[in-house]
Amino acid sequence: MWKKLMSTLVLSILVLSGCSATVTENNLSGVHFVKADEKMGEKTFEERAQSIKTLLYQIKGISGSAVIVEGHTAIIGLRLDDGMENDATRISREADNAARQADQYINSTSITTNIKIVSLIEEMEHKRAR
């Protein structure tokens, strides 16, 4: 009897409290996307990326690189020489410094030595060159 009374009480509380859910609607109709200028200073994004690549080849341990510049950000993929994986942190730090030295407009960098991601950056770089 006690179990029956308790289960009825719990069931009544659930029914009387009801279900309330709030729905959040994302309305993106008021958002306007603005494409960044194709030039910053006197150089295009491709020219800026090339100037960064030129300095990257001077860093010991880098065998290849891919660079994409978008606005104030440089996305850099580095291919390291064999046996240089342990120095990836140092090389990435030097690559960050080189990017900022090559282009005064660079505020942030994203640098990777992951082979799969480097391949994707290289692919994007080739598509932009067309």
C-alpha atoms as a PDB file:
ATOM      1  CA  MET A   1       0.000   0.000   0.000  1.00  0.00           C
ATOM      2  CA  TRP A   2       2.809   2.388   0.929  1.00  0.00           C
ATOM      3  CA  LYS A   3       4.571   1.767  -2.406  1.00  0.00           C
ATOM      4  CA  LYS A   4       1.349   2.361  -4.311  1.00  0.00           C
ATOM      5  CA  LEU A   5       0.748   5.646  -2.508  1.00  0.00           C
ATOM      6  CA  MET A   6       4.306   6.873  -3.119  1.00  0.00           C
ATOM      7  CA  SER A   7       4.252   5.967  -6.808  1.00  0.00           C
ATOM      8  CA  THR A   8       0.909   7.752  -7.212  1.00  0.00           C
ATOM      9  CA  LEU A   9       2.317  10.815  -5.450  1.00  0.00           C
ATOM     10  CA  VAL A  10       5.432  10.890  -7.655  1.00  0.00           C
ATOM     11  CA  LEU A  11       3.325  10.415 -10.784  1.00  0.00           C
ATOM     12  CA  SER A  12       0.992  13.255  -9.756  1.00  0.00           C
ATOM     13  CA  ILE A  13       3.919  15.585  -9.142  1.00  0.00           C
ATOM     14  CA  LEU A  14       5.319  14.828 -12.574  1.00  0.00           C
ATOM     15  CA  VAL A  15       1.976  15.380 -14.276  1.00  0.00           C
ATOM     16  CA  LEU A  16       1.214  18.582 -12.397  1.00  0.00           C
ATOM     17  CA  SER A  17       4.668  20.078 -12.924  1.00  0.00           C
ATOM     18  CA  GLY A  18       4.465  19.541 -16.667  1.00  0.00           C
ATOM     19  CA  CYS A  19       7.297  19.831 -19.100  1.00  0.00           C
ATOM     20  CA  SER A  20       8.799  23.129 -19.952  1.00  0.00           C
ATOM     21  CA  ALA A  21      11.426  23.611 -22.569  1.00  0.00           C
ATOM     22  CA  THR A  22      12.849  26.766 -23.937  1.00  0.00           C
ATOM     23  CA  VAL A  23      13.611  26.997 -27.596  1.00  0.00           C
ATOM     24  CA  THR A  24      16.530  29.064 -28.713  1.00  0.00           C
ATOM     25  CA  GLU A  25      16.407  30.293 -32.255  1.00  0.00           C
ATOM     26  CA  ASN A  26      19.477  31.398 -34.093  1.00  0.00           C
ATOM     27  CA  ASN A  27      18.607  34.181 -36.442  1.00  0.00           C
ATOM     28  CA  LEU A  28      21.499  34.907 -38.748  1.00  0.00           C
ATOM     29  CA  SER A  29      19.541  37.083 -41.131  1.00  0.00           C
ATOM     30  CA  GLY A  30      21.027  40.219 -39.585  1.00  0.00           C
ATOM     31  CA  VAL A  31      24.622  39.024 -39.875  1.00  0.00           C
ATOM     32  CA  HIS A  32      26.645  40.498 -42.696  1.00  0.00           C
ATOM     33  CA  PHE A  33      29.856  38.851 -43.787  1.00  0.00           C
ATOM     34  CA  VAL A  34      32.558  41.150 -45.045  1.00  0.00           C
ATOM     35  CA  LYS A  35      35.442  39.841 -47.088  1.00  0.00           C
ATOM     36  CA  ALA A  36      38.810  41.182 -46.035  1.00  0.00           C
ATOM     37  CA  ASP A  37      40.596  43.516 -48.384  1.00  0.00           C
ATOM     38  CA  GLU A  38      42.667  41.698 -50.966  1.00  0.00           C
ATOM     39  CA  LYS A  39      45.633  43.886 -50.081  1.00  0.00           C
ATOM     40  CA  MET A  40      47.142  44.997 -46.849  1.00  0.00           C
ATOM     41  CA  GLY A  41      49.696  47.673 -47.355  1.00  0.00           C
ATOM     42  CA  GLU A  42      51.184  47.329 -50.815  1.00  0.00           C
ATOM     43  CA  LYS A  43      51.101  43.513 -51.015  1.00  0.00           C
ATOM     44  CA  THR A  44      48.411  40.966 -51.824  1.00  0.00           C
ATOM     45  CA  PHE A  45      47.834  38.008 -49.505  1.00  0.00           C
ATOM     46  CA  GLU A  46      49.824  35.757 -51.853  1.00  0.00           C
ATOM     47  CA  GLU A  47      52.767  38.171 -51.897  1.00  0.00           C
ATOM     48  CA  ARG A  48      52.676  38.381 -48.123  1.00  0.00           C
ATOM     49  CA  ALA A  49      52.655  34.582 -47.855  1.00  0.00           C
ATOM     50  CA  GLN A  50      55.609  34.341 -50.240  1.00  0.00           C
ATOM     51  CA  SER A  51      57.669  36.793 -48.177  1.00  0.00           C
ATOM     52  CA  ILE A  52      57.000  34.659 -45.088  1.00  0.00           C
ATOM     53  CA  LYS A  53      57.993  31.476 -46.960  1.00  0.00           C
ATOM     54  CA  THR A  54      61.272  33.103 -47.995  1.00  0.00           C
ATOM     55  CA  LEU A  55      62.246  33.607 -44.355  1.00  0.00           C
ATOM     56  CA  LEU A  56      61.025  30.140 -43.344  1.00  0.00           C
ATOM     57  CA  TYR A  57      63.492  28.456 -45.702  1.00  0.00           C
ATOM     58  CA  GLN A  58      66.324  30.088 -43.757  1.00  0.00           C
ATOM     59  CA  ILE A  59      65.363  28.235 -40.568  1.00  0.00           C
ATOM     60  CA  LYS A  60      67.427  25.108 -39.891  1.00  0.00           C
ATOM     61  CA  GLY A  61      65.298  21.964 -39.890  1.00  0.00           C
ATOM     62  CA  ILE A  62      62.564  23.036 -42.332  1.00  0.00           C
ATOM     63  CA  SER A  63      62.488  21.140 -45.620  1.00  0.00           C
ATOM     64  CA  GLY A  64      59.256  22.637 -46.936  1.00  0.00           C
ATOM     65  CA  SER A  65      56.436  24.962 -45.991  1.00  0.00           C
ATOM     66  CA  ALA A  66      52.988  26.089 -46.997  1.00  0.00           C
ATOM     67  CA  VAL A  67      51.679  29.507 -45.968  1.00  0.00           C
ATOM     68  CA  ILE A  68      48.238  31.066 -46.253  1.00  0.00           C
ATOM     69  CA  VAL A  69      47.703  34.646 -45.153  1.00  0.00           C
ATOM     70  CA  GLU A  70      44.224  35.881 -44.391  1.00  0.00           C
ATOM     71  CA  GLY A  71      43.956  39.349 -42.907  1.00  0.00           C
ATOM     72  CA  HIS A  72      46.171  39.540 -39.852  1.00  0.00           C
ATOM     73  CA  THR A  73      46.656  35.765 -39.542  1.00  0.00           C
ATOM     74  CA  ALA A  74      49.226  33.447 -41.093  1.00  0.00           C
ATOM     75  CA  ILE A  75      48.445  29.728 -41.304  1.00  0.00           C
ATOM     76  CA  ILE A  76      51.725  27.874 -41.641  1.00  0.00           C
ATOM     77  CA  GLY A  77      52.391  24.207 -42.334  1.00  0.00           C
ATOM     78  CA  LEU A  78      55.954  23.014 -41.898  1.00  0.00           C
ATOM     79  CA  ARG A  79      57.643  19.916 -43.284  1.00  0.00           C
ATOM     80  CA  LEU A  80      60.610  19.088 -41.089  1.00  0.00           C
ATOM     81  CA  ASP A  81      63.911  17.468 -42.032  1.00  0.00           C
ATOM     82  CA  ASP A  82      64.324  13.847 -40.926  1.00  0.00           C
ATOM     83  CA  GLY A  83      65.147  13.605 -37.238  1.00  0.00           C
ATOM     84  CA  MET A  84      64.019  17.162 -36.431  1.00  0.00           C
ATOM     85  CA  GLU A  85      60.685  16.144 -34.850  1.00  0.00           C
ATOM     86  CA  ASN A  86      62.126  16.700 -31.356  1.00  0.00           C
ATOM     87  CA  ASP A  87      62.912  20.310 -32.281  1.00  0.00           C
ATOM     88  CA  ALA A  88      59.382  21.055 -33.534  1.00  0.00           C
ATOM     89  CA  THR A  89      58.664  23.482 -30.682  1.00  0.00           C
ATOM     90  CA  ARG A  90      61.813  25.505 -31.337  1.00  0.00           C
ATOM     91  CA  ILE A  91      61.215  25.503 -35.071  1.00  0.00           C
ATOM     92  CA  SER A  92      57.591  26.594 -34.618  1.00  0.00           C
ATOM     93  CA  ARG A  93      58.700  29.454 -32.390  1.00  0.00           C
ATOM     94  CA  GLU A  94      61.258  30.541 -34.974  1.00  0.00           C
ATOM     95  CA  ALA A  95      58.626  30.281 -37.718  1.00  0.00           C
ATOM     96  CA  ASP A  96      56.289  32.517 -35.692  1.00  0.00           C
ATOM     97  CA  ASN A  97      59.049  35.096 -35.298  1.00  0.00           C
ATOM     98  CA  ALA A  98      59.894  34.883 -39.006  1.00  0.00           C
ATOM     99  CA  ALA A  99      56.255  35.446 -40.009  1.00  0.00           C
ATOM    100  CA  ARG A 100      55.974  38.518 -37.804  1.00  0.00           C
ATOM    101  CA  GLN A 101      59.319  39.812 -39.085  1.00  0.00           C
ATOM    102  CA  ALA A 102      58.367  39.289 -42.730  1.00  0.00           C
ATOM    103  CA  ASP A 103      54.967  40.975 -42.448  1.00  0.00           C
ATOM    104  CA  GLN A 104      54.196  43.813 -40.059  1.00  0.00           C
ATOM    105  CA  TYR A 105      50.457  43.176 -40.350  1.00  0.00           C
ATOM    106  CA  ILE A 106      50.607  39.634 -38.908  1.00  0.00           C
ATOM    107  CA  ASN A 107      49.102  39.577 -35.411  1.00  0.00           C
ATOM    108  CA  SER A 108      48.650  35.832 -35.001  1.00  0.00           C
ATOM    109  CA  THR A 109      49.969  32.624 -36.465  1.00  0.00           C
ATOM    110  CA  SER A 110      48.755  29.055 -36.535  1.00  0.00           C
ATOM    111  CA  ILE A 111      51.645  26.658 -37.091  1.00  0.00           C
ATOM    112  CA  THR A 112      51.558  22.888 -37.511  1.00  0.00           C
ATOM    113  CA  THR A 113      53.981  20.118 -38.348  1.00  0.00           C
ATOM    114  CA  ASN A 114      51.274  17.457 -38.667  1.00  0.00           C
ATOM    115  CA  ILE A 115      51.769  15.910 -42.107  1.00  0.00           C
ATOM    116  CA  LYS A 116      48.040  15.544 -42.871  1.00  0.00           C
ATOM    117  CA  ILE A 117      47.273  19.145 -41.952  1.00  0.00           C
ATOM    118  CA  VAL A 118      50.341  20.409 -43.822  1.00  0.00           C
ATOM    119  CA  SER A 119      49.046  18.599 -46.926  1.00  0.00           C
ATOM    120  CA  LEU A 120      45.678  20.356 -46.554  1.00  0.00           C
ATOM    121  CA  ILE A 121      47.373  23.749 -46.215  1.00  0.00           C
ATOM    122  CA  GLU A 122      49.472  23.011 -49.314  1.00  0.00           C
ATOM    123  CA  GLU A 123      46.298  22.126 -51.207  1.00  0.00           C
ATOM    124  CA  MET A 124      44.641  25.385 -50.131  1.00  0.00           C
ATOM    125  CA  GLU A 125      47.773  27.297 -51.118  1.00  0.00           C
ATOM    126  CA  HIS A 126      47.694  25.777 -54.620  1.00  0.00           C
ATOM    127  CA  LYS A 127      43.993  26.566 -55.035  1.00  0.00           C
ATOM    128  CA  ARG A 128      44.604  30.203 -54.104  1.00  0.00           C
ATOM    129  CA  ALA A 129      47.449  30.482 -56.597  1.00  0.00           C
ATOM    130  CA  ARG A 130      45.103  29.700 -59.505  1.00  0.00           C
END
